[in-house]
Amino acid sequence: MTPNAASASAAPSRRSFLASTAVATAAVAGGMPLLAACGGSDSGSHEGTTSGKSADKMLPTFVASTVAQPDLPSKNGSAAGYTGKVDLAALATSVPDKLGTGASFKIMSPFWGTPPKPGCAYYTALDAAVGTKVTWQNQDGNTYGQKLGAVLASSSIPDMVVVPGWELVGKISNAVTAKFMDLSPYLAGDKVKKYKNLAAIPSDAWRMGIFGGALRGIPMPAATANWIAPLYRKDLFDKKGYSVPKSPDEFMSWAKEATSPKAKVWALDGNMAWSAWNIFGVRGSGTIGWDIGSDGKLTYRIEQPEYLEALEWVRKLFDAGVVHPDDKARSGDAGQRFTAGQILVWNTNVADWYGKTAEQAQSNPDFHIEAIDIFGADGGNPTLYAGQPATIWSLIRKGASKETVENALAAANFAAAPYGTKERMLVDYGVAGTHYSVKDGVPVKNDQGNSEVINAWVMLAAPAAYFAHPDFPDVARKQVEWQQRMGAFMKKTSTFGMNIVEPSRYANLSSQFEQLEIDYVRGNKKLSDVQQAISTWKSSGGDKLRDWYKKLIDENGSGN
């Protein structure tokens, strides 16, 4: 079986990178103090966050799944790993009775690739198994935020909407509170036991589903030891006799040696900044961004000296000409350049380790991926910061009928089926004979499976994070082991585990930095431009937002 939902849906955009810092799944067991409701009163919105006893009353009772024990249990915040084959003839049943009534409802979700046609065999089979009749409104994942914002601002909202955390910017965050319903009457406490698979979602992930003082989001659990991985072509490294770099200086030297424009080979893609945040220890990158340092000061990521150090190092890589020119121009597909051997290092979701291995297995049997262990700025151990226990949610619109709610929950419960079950098999592979066949005990998708069994049902919910690739079990093992090695250097920020709604007056305060970072490393902006933007950010509301966060943490406790 494939890894669960989010792991399989990496998209070539900044938002997919933000996602993958928290997506490939496995919540860390609780205990961290979370904030109680707190904040201002912009337009009557619920700012701040909710936790402690207030949150506990909303949370579903946790009942762990016992269907299949992993070969590699979660450690240091990693996903769990399954490295053996599942007996497909002995799959367990996690949803013994259809919980849906057959009533129709609509779901809007991000989608990467070409969506299957309505009424396709995959959608039909899932509806029949769950007892639902879903109309999918799949939207381009790379521009999903624009569509989501427009839909939430309208009076016509689909019955169920998938909201990724990296889209919770601008007015979308407050709209989530205003437009989606409280699910506590259906899921709080023992009520969740009607939905066995939802009950097995870790409590830390459910806490992240609390928006505006109510449990609104059905979470997709995430491994907290999950960062962008610098994947490299081990087969080509071995062929050339390259050693894996273990410091920024070694990386620069190797990159210059490996780059040969005449041979159409460059060292890396254009997204090295995502690894640089980790190499230089930028606190809170990819999460909320605020943290109290060892000096006791609360800072945002862009204020930290490490932020500029990371950007300057990446700028030097671009200046050295070791980045593929198409990556510099932000055109084409870096993943395709990686498989073609045009770039040797690709900074991407760790889930792509399996995706590209499987893709190249037949056409290029020598193709071999590994991941570079993240090193520190001085060549020593890195300091890494934990991702959030969940960063994608499915939500049900306010005003939905009881029947619609129950059908939506039935769908999410089916999507959250654990590894080793018939339900997980159907969600991940579709129908035997139609979407896949079994070879040597391993399910293998055919062309129809590859075109239909993607990016839809997996977005509604997920079990605790895991990797499992029966066709390439060694990849699952290495993915987990990489997370576990890196997780040994992981710390939690002061805002870990908190789903925080900022005051809407600060909604677009940091929006310019994404494009500014892109422009600076490519030589289109000066360091002084970045420094001026930081200064403007402070005077335009950053310092006031710091005071808001400080009050939140002072009054209610820190996430670390």
Protein backbone atom coordinates (compact mmCIF):
# COMPACT_ATOMS: atom_id res chain seq x y z
CA MET A 1 0.00 0.00 0.00
CA THR A 2 1.05 3.55 -0.54
CA PRO A 3 1.87 6.04 2.19
CA ASN A 4 -1.18 7.80 3.46
CA ALA A 5 -2.87 10.75 1.89
CA ALA A 6 -0.75 13.82 2.10
CA SER A 7 2.46 12.04 1.40
CA ALA A 8 1.19 11.15 -2.02
CA SER A 9 0.14 14.63 -3.01
CA ALA A 10 3.25 16.76 -3.20
CA ALA A 11 2.87 19.55 -5.73
CA PRO A 12 5.57 21.66 -7.39
CA SER A 13 4.90 24.86 -5.46
CA ARG A 14 5.87 26.66 -2.29
CA ARG A 15 2.65 25.51 -0.72
CA SER A 16 3.47 21.86 -1.28
CA PHE A 17 6.82 22.47 0.38
CA LEU A 18 5.09 24.07 3.35
CA ALA A 19 2.81 21.09 3.45
CA SER A 20 5.56 18.57 3.40
CA THR A 21 7.18 19.98 6.50
CA ALA A 22 4.24 18.46 8.32
CA VAL A 23 2.52 16.05 6.07
CA ALA A 24 3.93 12.56 5.78
CA THR A 25 2.25 11.73 9.14
CA ALA A 26 2.61 10.55 12.80
CA ALA A 27 1.63 12.86 15.60
CA VAL A 28 3.88 13.06 18.63
CA ALA A 29 2.15 12.02 21.85
CA GLY A 30 0.84 14.98 23.82
CA GLY A 31 1.72 16.66 27.02
CA MET A 32 2.75 20.03 25.63
CA PRO A 33 0.89 22.98 27.10
CA LEU A 34 -1.42 24.56 24.56
CA LEU A 35 -2.98 27.97 24.64
CA ALA A 36 -6.43 28.78 25.90
CA ALA A 37 -8.71 31.05 23.91
CA CYS A 38 -7.19 34.50 23.78
CA GLY A 39 -7.00 37.54 21.58
CA GLY A 40 -8.75 40.56 20.21
CA SER A 41 -12.09 41.14 18.61
CA ASP A 42 -11.66 41.96 14.94
CA SER A 43 -15.14 41.85 13.45
CA GLY A 44 -16.18 39.51 16.22
CA SER A 45 -13.78 36.81 15.03
CA HIS A 46 -12.29 34.19 17.33
CA GLU A 47 -8.58 35.03 17.41
CA GLY A 48 -5.85 33.13 19.21
CA THR A 49 -6.20 29.43 19.90
CA THR A 50 -7.95 26.99 22.20
CA SER A 51 -6.45 24.28 24.36
CA GLY A 52 -6.10 22.92 27.86
CA LYS A 53 -9.39 21.91 29.47
CA SER A 54 -11.34 23.94 26.92
CA ALA A 55 -9.85 21.89 24.11
CA ASP A 56 -10.08 18.58 25.95
CA LYS A 57 -13.87 18.89 26.12
CA MET A 58 -14.04 19.06 22.32
CA LEU A 59 -11.58 16.30 21.48
CA PRO A 60 -12.69 12.85 20.33
CA THR A 61 -11.74 9.95 22.59
CA PHE A 62 -8.57 8.34 21.28
CA VAL A 63 -8.81 4.62 20.54
CA ALA A 64 -5.63 3.33 18.91
CA SER A 65 -5.88 0.99 15.94
CA THR A 66 -4.52 -2.51 16.49
CA VAL A 67 -4.92 -3.75 12.92
CA ALA A 68 -1.26 -3.87 11.86
CA GLN A 69 1.80 -3.23 13.99
CA PRO A 70 4.60 -1.43 12.12
CA ASP A 71 8.01 -2.98 11.60
CA LEU A 72 9.50 0.43 12.37
CA PRO A 73 7.51 2.19 15.11
CA SER A 74 7.47 5.97 15.14
CA LYS A 75 10.53 7.45 16.88
CA ASN A 76 11.80 11.02 17.23
CA GLY A 77 8.60 12.25 15.60
CA SER A 78 8.95 10.07 12.50
CA ALA A 79 6.27 8.26 10.57
CA ALA A 80 5.92 4.54 11.25
CA GLY A 81 7.17 2.09 8.65
CA TYR A 82 5.93 -1.18 7.19
CA THR A 83 8.61 -3.06 5.28
CA GLY A 84 6.90 -6.40 4.59
CA LYS A 85 4.15 -7.56 2.28
CA VAL A 86 0.56 -7.58 3.43
CA ASP A 87 -1.45 -10.76 3.04
CA LEU A 88 -4.02 -9.37 0.62
CA ALA A 89 -6.28 -12.34 1.24
CA ALA A 90 -6.40 -11.59 4.96
CA LEU A 91 -7.01 -7.84 5.04
CA ALA A 92 -8.91 -6.65 8.09
CA THR A 93 -12.21 -4.76 7.97
CA SER A 94 -12.28 -1.40 9.75
CA VAL A 95 -15.73 -0.27 8.52
CA PRO A 96 -18.01 -3.30 8.92
CA ASP A 97 -21.21 -1.38 8.10
CA LYS A 98 -21.93 1.34 5.58
CA LEU A 99 -22.24 4.58 7.53
CA GLY A 100 -23.47 6.65 4.58
CA THR A 101 -27.10 6.90 3.56
CA GLY A 102 -26.52 7.35 -0.16
CA ALA A 103 -27.46 11.02 -0.08
CA SER A 104 -25.47 13.23 -2.43
CA PHE A 105 -23.08 15.96 -1.32
CA LYS A 106 -20.27 18.05 -2.82
CA ILE A 107 -16.60 18.16 -1.86
CA MET A 108 -14.06 20.78 -2.98
CA SER A 109 -10.44 19.72 -2.71
CA PRO A 110 -7.02 20.63 -4.16
CA PHE A 111 -5.84 18.31 -6.91
CA TRP A 112 -2.45 17.96 -8.56
CA GLY A 113 -2.55 16.51 -12.03
CA THR A 114 -5.54 15.72 -14.24
CA PRO A 115 -8.69 14.86 -12.27
CA PRO A 116 -10.53 11.68 -13.28
CA LYS A 117 -13.89 12.01 -14.96
CA PRO A 118 -17.04 12.12 -12.81
CA GLY A 119 -18.57 8.70 -12.47
CA CYS A 120 -15.27 6.92 -13.08
CA ALA A 121 -14.86 3.37 -11.76
CA TYR A 122 -12.81 4.53 -8.76
CA TYR A 123 -15.34 7.11 -7.58
CA THR A 124 -18.20 4.69 -8.18
CA ALA A 125 -16.53 1.93 -6.16
CA LEU A 126 -15.81 4.21 -3.19
CA ASP A 127 -19.33 5.59 -3.15
CA ALA A 128 -20.73 2.06 -3.19
CA ALA A 129 -18.47 0.92 -0.34
CA VAL A 130 -19.05 3.94 1.88
CA GLY A 131 -22.71 4.55 1.11
CA THR A 132 -22.15 8.01 -0.34
CA LYS A 133 -22.76 9.90 -3.55
CA VAL A 134 -19.95 12.44 -3.82
CA THR A 135 -19.68 15.13 -6.46
CA TRP A 136 -16.02 16.11 -6.55
CA GLN A 137 -15.11 19.72 -7.26
CA ASN A 138 -11.38 19.20 -7.76
CA GLN A 139 -9.36 22.40 -8.11
CA ASP A 140 -5.79 22.97 -9.29
CA GLY A 141 -3.63 22.53 -6.17
CA ASN A 142 -1.09 25.11 -7.37
CA THR A 143 -3.69 27.91 -7.43
CA TYR A 144 -6.03 26.49 -4.81
CA GLY A 145 -5.71 29.45 -2.45
CA GLN A 146 -7.21 31.80 -5.02
CA LYS A 147 -10.19 29.52 -5.60
CA LEU A 148 -10.61 28.83 -1.90
CA GLY A 149 -10.64 32.52 -1.06
CA ALA A 150 -13.23 33.25 -3.71
CA VAL A 151 -15.48 30.39 -2.64
CA LEU A 152 -15.33 31.28 1.06
CA ALA A 153 -16.18 34.88 0.21
CA SER A 154 -19.26 33.75 -1.71
CA SER A 155 -22.66 32.56 -0.55
CA SER A 156 -22.26 29.18 -2.25
CA ILE A 157 -19.93 26.88 -0.33
CA PRO A 158 -19.67 23.13 -1.08
CA ASP A 159 -20.85 20.77 1.66
CA MET A 160 -17.29 19.73 2.48
CA VAL A 161 -14.08 21.64 1.76
CA VAL A 162 -10.46 20.55 2.14
CA VAL A 163 -8.33 23.36 3.59
CA PRO A 164 -4.52 23.01 3.63
CA GLY A 165 -2.76 24.93 6.38
CA TRP A 166 -0.49 26.72 3.92
CA GLU A 167 -3.58 28.43 2.51
CA LEU A 168 -4.62 29.86 5.90
CA VAL A 169 -3.46 33.34 4.97
CA GLY A 170 -5.26 36.62 4.48
CA LYS A 171 -8.96 36.43 5.27
CA ILE A 172 -9.20 32.67 4.73
CA SER A 173 -8.27 31.90 8.34
CA ASN A 174 -11.16 33.88 9.80
CA ALA A 175 -13.48 32.63 7.07
CA VAL A 176 -12.86 29.07 8.23
CA THR A 177 -14.28 29.99 11.63
CA ALA A 178 -17.22 31.83 10.13
CA LYS A 179 -18.21 29.38 7.39
CA PHE A 180 -17.67 25.88 8.83
CA MET A 181 -19.55 24.02 11.53
CA ASP A 182 -18.65 22.75 14.98
CA LEU A 183 -18.30 18.96 14.79
CA SER A 184 -18.17 18.40 18.55
CA PRO A 185 -21.83 17.28 18.71
CA TYR A 186 -20.87 14.42 16.38
CA LEU A 187 -17.30 13.63 17.45
CA ALA A 188 -16.44 14.90 20.94
CA GLY A 189 -15.62 12.31 23.57
CA ASP A 190 -17.08 8.85 23.02
CA LYS A 191 -19.33 10.08 20.20
CA VAL A 192 -16.43 9.47 17.83
CA LYS A 193 -16.56 5.72 18.50
CA LYS A 194 -19.24 5.46 15.83
CA TYR A 195 -16.36 6.33 13.48
CA LYS A 196 -13.68 3.83 14.46
CA ASN A 197 -10.98 5.14 12.13
CA LEU A 198 -11.49 8.77 13.14
CA ALA A 199 -11.15 7.67 16.77
CA ALA A 200 -7.68 6.30 15.95
CA ILE A 201 -6.40 9.71 14.82
CA PRO A 202 -3.95 10.97 17.49
CA SER A 203 -5.27 13.64 19.84
CA ASP A 204 -2.51 16.13 18.97
CA ALA A 205 -3.76 16.10 15.38
CA TRP A 206 -7.35 16.66 16.52
CA ARG A 207 -6.24 19.67 18.60
CA MET A 208 -5.02 21.22 15.39
CA GLY A 209 -8.59 20.96 14.08
CA ILE A 210 -9.88 23.50 16.60
CA PHE A 211 -10.65 26.79 14.86
CA GLY A 212 -12.26 29.73 16.60
CA GLY A 213 -13.05 27.85 19.77
CA ALA A 214 -14.74 24.87 18.09
CA LEU A 215 -13.70 21.53 16.60
CA ARG A 216 -14.24 22.25 12.92
CA GLY A 217 -11.49 20.41 11.06
CA ILE A 218 -11.07 16.66 10.50
CA PRO A 219 -7.27 16.44 10.48
CA MET A 220 -4.74 14.63 8.38
CA PRO A 221 -2.11 13.61 10.97
CA ALA A 222 1.49 14.48 10.18
CA ALA A 223 4.92 13.30 11.22
CA THR A 224 6.54 16.16 13.10
CA ALA A 225 10.01 15.01 11.99
CA ASN A 226 9.22 15.80 8.39
CA TRP A 227 11.23 18.28 6.40
CA ILE A 228 12.09 18.95 2.81
CA ALA A 229 14.61 16.27 1.88
CA PRO A 230 17.63 16.98 -0.34
CA LEU A 231 17.20 13.86 -2.47
CA TYR A 232 20.23 12.94 -4.55
CA ARG A 233 21.01 10.56 -7.40
CA LYS A 234 23.12 7.97 -5.61
CA ASP A 235 23.64 6.01 -8.82
CA LEU A 236 25.24 9.05 -10.48
CA PHE A 237 27.16 10.02 -7.33
CA ASP A 238 28.65 6.51 -7.24
CA LYS A 239 29.44 6.59 -10.95
CA LYS A 240 31.32 9.87 -10.57
CA GLY A 241 32.89 8.99 -7.23
CA TYR A 242 31.29 11.93 -5.42
CA SER A 243 31.15 11.99 -1.63
CA VAL A 244 27.98 13.23 0.01
CA PRO A 245 28.56 16.82 1.28
CA LYS A 246 28.49 17.31 5.05
CA SER A 247 28.77 21.10 5.37
CA PRO A 248 27.78 24.22 3.40
CA ASP A 249 31.37 24.63 2.16
CA GLU A 250 31.58 21.00 1.07
CA PHE A 251 28.25 21.35 -0.68
CA MET A 252 29.43 24.41 -2.60
CA SER A 253 32.67 22.67 -3.63
CA TRP A 254 30.82 19.55 -4.74
CA ALA A 255 28.22 21.58 -6.63
CA LYS A 256 30.88 23.39 -8.64
CA GLU A 257 32.62 20.11 -9.45
CA ALA A 258 29.40 18.36 -10.47
CA THR A 259 28.08 21.14 -12.71
CA SER A 260 28.89 20.85 -16.40
CA PRO A 261 26.68 22.97 -18.67
CA LYS A 262 28.39 21.42 -21.70
CA ALA A 263 27.17 18.00 -20.56
CA LYS A 264 23.79 19.52 -19.55
CA VAL A 265 24.30 18.61 -15.90
CA TRP A 266 23.80 20.97 -12.99
CA ALA A 267 24.17 20.26 -9.29
CA LEU A 268 20.72 21.15 -8.05
CA ASP A 269 17.25 22.59 -8.44
CA GLY A 270 16.09 26.06 -7.49
CA ASN A 271 14.55 25.20 -4.11
CA MET A 272 17.67 24.86 -2.00
CA ALA A 273 16.36 27.60 0.29
CA TRP A 274 13.97 25.05 1.81
CA SER A 275 16.90 22.96 2.96
CA ALA A 276 18.91 26.05 3.85
CA TRP A 277 16.33 27.06 6.47
CA ASN A 278 17.11 23.77 8.21
CA ILE A 279 20.86 23.84 7.63
CA PHE A 280 21.13 27.28 9.22
CA GLY A 281 18.57 26.57 11.94
CA VAL A 282 15.93 29.18 11.11
CA ARG A 283 13.40 28.73 13.88
CA GLY A 284 9.82 28.12 12.88
CA SER A 285 10.30 27.98 9.11
CA GLY A 286 7.43 26.16 7.47
CA THR A 287 5.24 26.44 10.58
CA ILE A 288 3.81 29.48 12.34
CA GLY A 289 7.18 31.19 12.33
CA TRP A 290 7.27 32.63 15.86
CA ASP A 291 9.55 31.32 18.60
CA ILE A 292 11.25 32.37 21.81
CA GLY A 293 15.01 31.98 21.45
CA SER A 294 17.62 31.14 24.07
CA ASP A 295 17.91 34.86 24.75
CA GLY A 296 14.28 34.91 25.87
CA LYS A 297 13.19 37.12 22.98
CA LEU A 298 10.19 36.34 20.81
CA THR A 299 11.05 36.72 17.14
CA TYR A 300 9.56 35.94 13.77
CA ARG A 301 11.62 33.83 11.36
CA ILE A 302 12.62 36.76 9.13
CA GLU A 303 14.15 38.63 12.09
CA GLN A 304 16.62 35.91 12.98
CA PRO A 305 20.24 36.30 11.80
CA GLU A 306 20.07 32.74 10.48
CA TYR A 307 17.40 33.82 8.00
CA LEU A 308 19.73 36.17 6.12
CA GLU A 309 22.64 33.73 6.45
CA ALA A 310 20.58 31.02 4.77
CA LEU A 311 19.46 33.32 1.96
CA GLU A 312 23.00 34.58 1.34
CA TRP A 313 24.33 31.02 1.06
CA VAL A 314 21.65 30.07 -1.45
CA ARG A 315 22.38 33.27 -3.39
CA LYS A 316 26.01 32.14 -3.67
CA LEU A 317 24.88 28.83 -5.15
CA PHE A 318 22.89 30.65 -7.82
CA ASP A 319 25.77 33.04 -8.46
CA ALA A 320 28.11 30.07 -8.88
CA GLY A 321 25.95 28.79 -11.73
CA VAL A 322 25.26 25.40 -10.13
CA VAL A 323 21.46 25.72 -10.34
CA HIS A 324 19.80 24.47 -13.52
CA PRO A 325 18.89 27.50 -15.69
CA ASP A 326 15.27 26.37 -16.00
CA ASP A 327 15.06 26.22 -12.20
CA LYS A 328 16.51 29.70 -12.04
CA ALA A 329 13.82 30.81 -14.49
CA ARG A 330 11.21 28.83 -12.52
CA SER A 331 10.03 26.94 -15.57
CA GLY A 332 9.43 23.29 -16.31
CA ASP A 333 9.47 20.34 -13.91
CA ALA A 334 12.43 19.89 -11.57
CA GLY A 335 11.38 16.30 -10.88
CA GLN A 336 11.73 15.44 -14.55
CA ARG A 337 15.14 17.10 -14.67
CA PHE A 338 16.12 14.99 -11.68
CA THR A 339 15.11 11.71 -13.28
CA ALA A 340 16.81 12.75 -16.53
CA GLY A 341 20.08 13.32 -14.68
CA GLN A 342 20.14 17.02 -15.51
CA ILE A 343 20.17 17.87 -11.80
CA LEU A 344 21.72 15.65 -9.13
CA VAL A 345 20.04 17.10 -5.99
CA TRP A 346 16.32 17.79 -5.74
CA ASN A 347 14.84 19.49 -2.66
CA THR A 348 11.36 18.05 -2.29
CA ASN A 349 8.82 16.19 -0.20
CA VAL A 350 10.34 13.00 1.22
CA ALA A 351 7.35 11.17 -0.31
CA ASP A 352 8.84 11.77 -3.76
CA TRP A 353 11.58 9.30 -2.82
CA TYR A 354 9.10 6.51 -3.46
CA GLY A 355 7.22 8.21 -6.28
CA LYS A 356 10.28 8.64 -8.47
CA THR A 357 11.71 5.24 -7.57
CA ALA A 358 8.50 3.54 -8.70
CA GLU A 359 8.25 5.71 -11.80
CA GLN A 360 11.75 4.85 -13.00
CA ALA A 361 11.84 1.17 -11.99
CA GLN A 362 11.18 -0.26 -15.44
CA SER A 363 12.79 2.29 -17.74
CA ASN A 364 15.91 2.91 -15.63
CA PRO A 365 16.67 -0.02 -13.30
CA ASP A 366 19.92 1.57 -12.14
CA PHE A 367 18.07 4.65 -10.86
CA HIS A 368 18.77 4.99 -7.12
CA ILE A 369 17.72 7.79 -4.77
CA GLU A 370 19.01 8.56 -1.30
CA ALA A 371 18.52 11.61 0.92
CA ILE A 372 21.35 13.79 2.18
CA ASP A 373 21.34 14.05 5.96
CA ILE A 374 20.80 17.68 6.90
CA PHE A 375 24.00 19.17 8.29
CA GLY A 376 24.50 22.25 10.43
CA ALA A 377 25.84 25.60 9.26
CA ASP A 378 29.21 24.73 10.81
CA GLY A 379 29.26 21.21 9.43
CA GLY A 380 28.15 19.73 12.74
CA ASN A 381 24.75 18.52 13.82
CA PRO A 382 21.76 20.58 12.64
CA THR A 383 19.13 22.19 14.81
CA LEU A 384 15.76 21.31 13.34
CA TYR A 385 12.30 22.45 14.35
CA ALA A 386 9.26 20.22 14.56
CA GLY A 387 6.43 20.51 12.10
CA GLN A 388 2.85 20.68 13.28
CA PRO A 389 0.91 17.46 14.10
CA ALA A 390 -1.58 18.25 11.32
CA THR A 391 -1.68 20.77 8.47
CA ILE A 392 -4.60 19.71 6.27
CA TRP A 393 -8.24 19.51 7.26
CA SER A 394 -11.60 18.68 5.74
CA LEU A 395 -14.44 20.86 7.04
CA ILE A 396 -18.22 20.80 6.72
CA ARG A 397 -20.11 23.99 5.92
CA LYS A 398 -22.35 25.62 8.48
CA GLY A 399 -25.97 24.92 7.83
CA ALA A 400 -25.39 21.47 6.35
CA SER A 401 -28.18 19.01 7.12
CA LYS A 402 -27.63 16.25 9.66
CA GLU A 403 -27.72 13.71 6.82
CA THR A 404 -25.04 15.62 4.91
CA VAL A 405 -22.84 15.79 8.01
CA GLU A 406 -23.19 12.07 8.66
CA ASN A 407 -22.36 11.24 5.05
CA ALA A 408 -19.32 13.53 5.11
CA LEU A 409 -18.11 11.92 8.34
CA ALA A 410 -18.69 8.49 6.84
CA ALA A 411 -16.47 9.45 3.91
CA ALA A 412 -13.74 10.82 6.18
CA ASN A 413 -13.89 7.73 8.39
CA PHE A 414 -13.40 5.47 5.37
CA ALA A 415 -10.51 7.61 4.11
CA ALA A 416 -8.81 7.33 7.53
CA ALA A 417 -8.70 3.52 7.40
CA PRO A 418 -5.41 2.14 8.73
CA TYR A 419 -2.80 0.15 6.86
CA GLY A 420 -3.68 -3.52 6.52
CA THR A 421 -7.41 -3.03 5.90
CA LYS A 422 -9.72 -3.58 2.94
CA GLU A 423 -10.75 0.07 3.14
CA ARG A 424 -7.17 1.35 2.91
CA MET A 425 -6.60 -0.96 -0.04
CA LEU A 426 -9.63 0.41 -1.88
CA VAL A 427 -8.71 4.05 -1.17
CA ASP A 428 -5.08 3.62 -2.23
CA TYR A 429 -5.38 1.14 -5.10
CA GLY A 430 -8.99 1.04 -6.27
CA VAL A 431 -10.65 -2.12 -7.54
CA ALA A 432 -8.71 -5.32 -8.19
CA GLY A 433 -8.67 -6.16 -11.89
CA THR A 434 -9.88 -2.68 -12.82
CA HIS A 435 -7.23 -0.46 -11.28
CA TYR A 436 -4.51 -2.90 -10.27
CA SER A 437 -3.28 -6.44 -10.47
CA VAL A 438 -1.25 -8.48 -7.99
CA LYS A 439 2.26 -9.57 -8.91
CA ASP A 440 4.30 -11.61 -6.44
CA GLY A 441 1.93 -10.59 -3.69
CA VAL A 442 2.29 -6.87 -4.46
CA PRO A 443 -0.51 -4.69 -5.88
CA VAL A 444 0.54 -2.86 -9.04
CA LYS A 445 -1.61 -0.14 -10.58
CA ASN A 446 -2.37 -0.25 -14.28
CA ASP A 447 -2.91 2.78 -16.53
CA GLN A 448 -6.50 3.21 -15.36
CA GLY A 449 -5.39 3.03 -11.74
CA ASN A 450 -2.70 5.64 -12.33
CA SER A 451 -5.22 8.00 -13.92
CA GLU A 452 -8.11 7.55 -11.47
CA VAL A 453 -6.74 6.53 -8.06
CA ILE A 454 -5.04 9.80 -7.18
CA ASN A 455 -5.49 12.88 -5.05
CA ALA A 456 -9.16 12.67 -4.09
CA TRP A 457 -10.42 10.45 -1.27
CA VAL A 458 -6.99 10.54 0.36
CA MET A 459 -7.46 14.25 1.09
CA LEU A 460 -10.45 13.80 3.42
CA ALA A 461 -8.60 12.26 6.40
CA ALA A 462 -5.76 9.86 7.16
CA PRO A 463 -4.54 7.46 9.82
CA ALA A 464 -1.44 8.20 11.89
CA ALA A 465 1.53 8.80 9.60
CA TYR A 466 3.22 5.82 7.99
CA PHE A 467 5.24 4.71 4.99
CA ALA A 468 4.55 1.38 3.33
CA HIS A 469 5.67 0.36 -0.15
CA PRO A 470 5.37 -3.40 -0.68
CA ASP A 471 6.95 -3.03 -4.13
CA PHE A 472 9.91 -1.07 -2.72
CA PRO A 473 10.05 -1.88 1.01
CA ASP A 474 13.63 -0.60 1.27
CA VAL A 475 12.45 2.88 0.31
CA ALA A 476 9.89 2.87 3.14
CA ARG A 477 12.59 1.80 5.58
CA LYS A 478 14.98 4.52 4.42
CA GLN A 479 12.29 7.22 4.52
CA VAL A 480 11.51 6.37 8.15
CA GLU A 481 15.16 6.02 9.13
CA TRP A 482 15.99 9.40 7.58
CA GLN A 483 13.20 11.03 9.59
CA GLN A 484 14.35 9.27 12.74
CA ARG A 485 17.98 10.36 12.27
CA MET A 486 16.96 13.93 11.60
CA GLY A 487 14.34 13.84 14.36
CA ALA A 488 17.08 13.24 16.91
CA PHE A 489 18.06 16.90 16.36
CA MET A 490 14.52 18.22 16.54
CA LYS A 491 13.19 20.88 18.89
CA LYS A 492 9.70 22.29 19.31
CA THR A 493 9.03 25.98 18.88
CA SER A 494 7.00 28.05 21.31
CA THR A 495 4.01 27.75 19.00
CA PHE A 496 4.24 23.99 18.43
CA GLY A 497 0.91 22.19 18.38
CA MET A 498 -1.12 25.38 18.20
CA ASN A 499 -3.68 26.27 15.58
CA ILE A 500 -3.57 30.04 15.90
CA VAL A 501 -5.87 32.51 14.16
CA GLU A 502 -4.12 35.87 13.91
CA PRO A 503 -6.03 39.15 13.93
CA SER A 504 -7.24 39.90 10.41
CA ARG A 505 -5.52 43.32 10.47
CA TYR A 506 -2.21 41.44 10.12
CA ALA A 507 -3.49 39.14 7.38
CA ASN A 508 -1.11 40.20 4.60
CA LEU A 509 1.76 41.45 6.71
CA SER A 510 4.29 38.81 5.60
CA SER A 511 2.97 38.10 2.13
CA GLN A 512 5.76 39.89 0.27
CA PHE A 513 8.56 37.70 1.60
CA GLU A 514 7.83 34.66 -0.57
CA GLN A 515 8.47 36.54 -3.80
CA LEU A 516 11.28 38.56 -2.24
CA GLU A 517 13.16 35.39 -1.27
CA ILE A 518 12.72 34.01 -4.79
CA ASP A 519 14.00 37.23 -6.33
CA TYR A 520 16.93 37.72 -3.96
CA VAL A 521 18.52 34.29 -4.35
CA ARG A 522 18.25 34.64 -8.14
CA GLY A 523 20.06 37.95 -8.10
CA ASN A 524 17.04 40.11 -8.93
CA LYS A 525 17.00 41.90 -5.57
CA LYS A 526 19.71 43.17 -3.24
CA LEU A 527 20.35 42.18 0.36
CA SER A 528 19.42 45.75 1.28
CA ASP A 529 16.00 45.13 -0.26
CA VAL A 530 15.45 42.19 2.08
CA GLN A 531 16.69 44.18 5.07
CA GLN A 532 14.40 47.08 4.19
CA ALA A 533 11.44 44.70 3.87
CA ILE A 534 12.17 43.36 7.35
CA SER A 535 12.31 46.89 8.73
CA THR A 536 9.04 47.78 6.99
CA TRP A 537 7.45 44.60 8.31
CA LYS A 538 8.32 45.63 11.87
CA SER A 539 6.99 49.17 11.56
CA SER A 540 3.89 48.15 9.60
CA GLY A 541 2.61 45.80 12.27
CA GLY A 542 5.26 43.18 12.97
CA ASP A 543 6.17 44.64 16.35
CA LYS A 544 2.49 44.86 17.32
CA LEU A 545 1.92 41.30 16.17
CA ARG A 546 4.87 40.28 18.35
CA ASP A 547 3.15 41.88 21.33
CA TRP A 548 -0.01 39.95 20.46
CA TYR A 549 1.88 36.64 20.37
CA LYS A 550 3.80 37.48 23.52
CA LYS A 551 0.57 38.09 25.41
CA LEU A 552 -0.83 34.84 24.07
CA ILE A 553 2.18 32.85 25.28
CA ASP A 554 2.67 34.74 28.55
CA GLU A 555 -0.90 34.17 29.64
CA ASN A 556 -1.30 30.59 28.53
CA GLY A 557 2.05 28.86 28.21
CA SER A 558 4.45 27.80 25.50
CA GLY A 559 4.29 24.90 23.06
CA ASN A 560 7.78 23.77 24.04
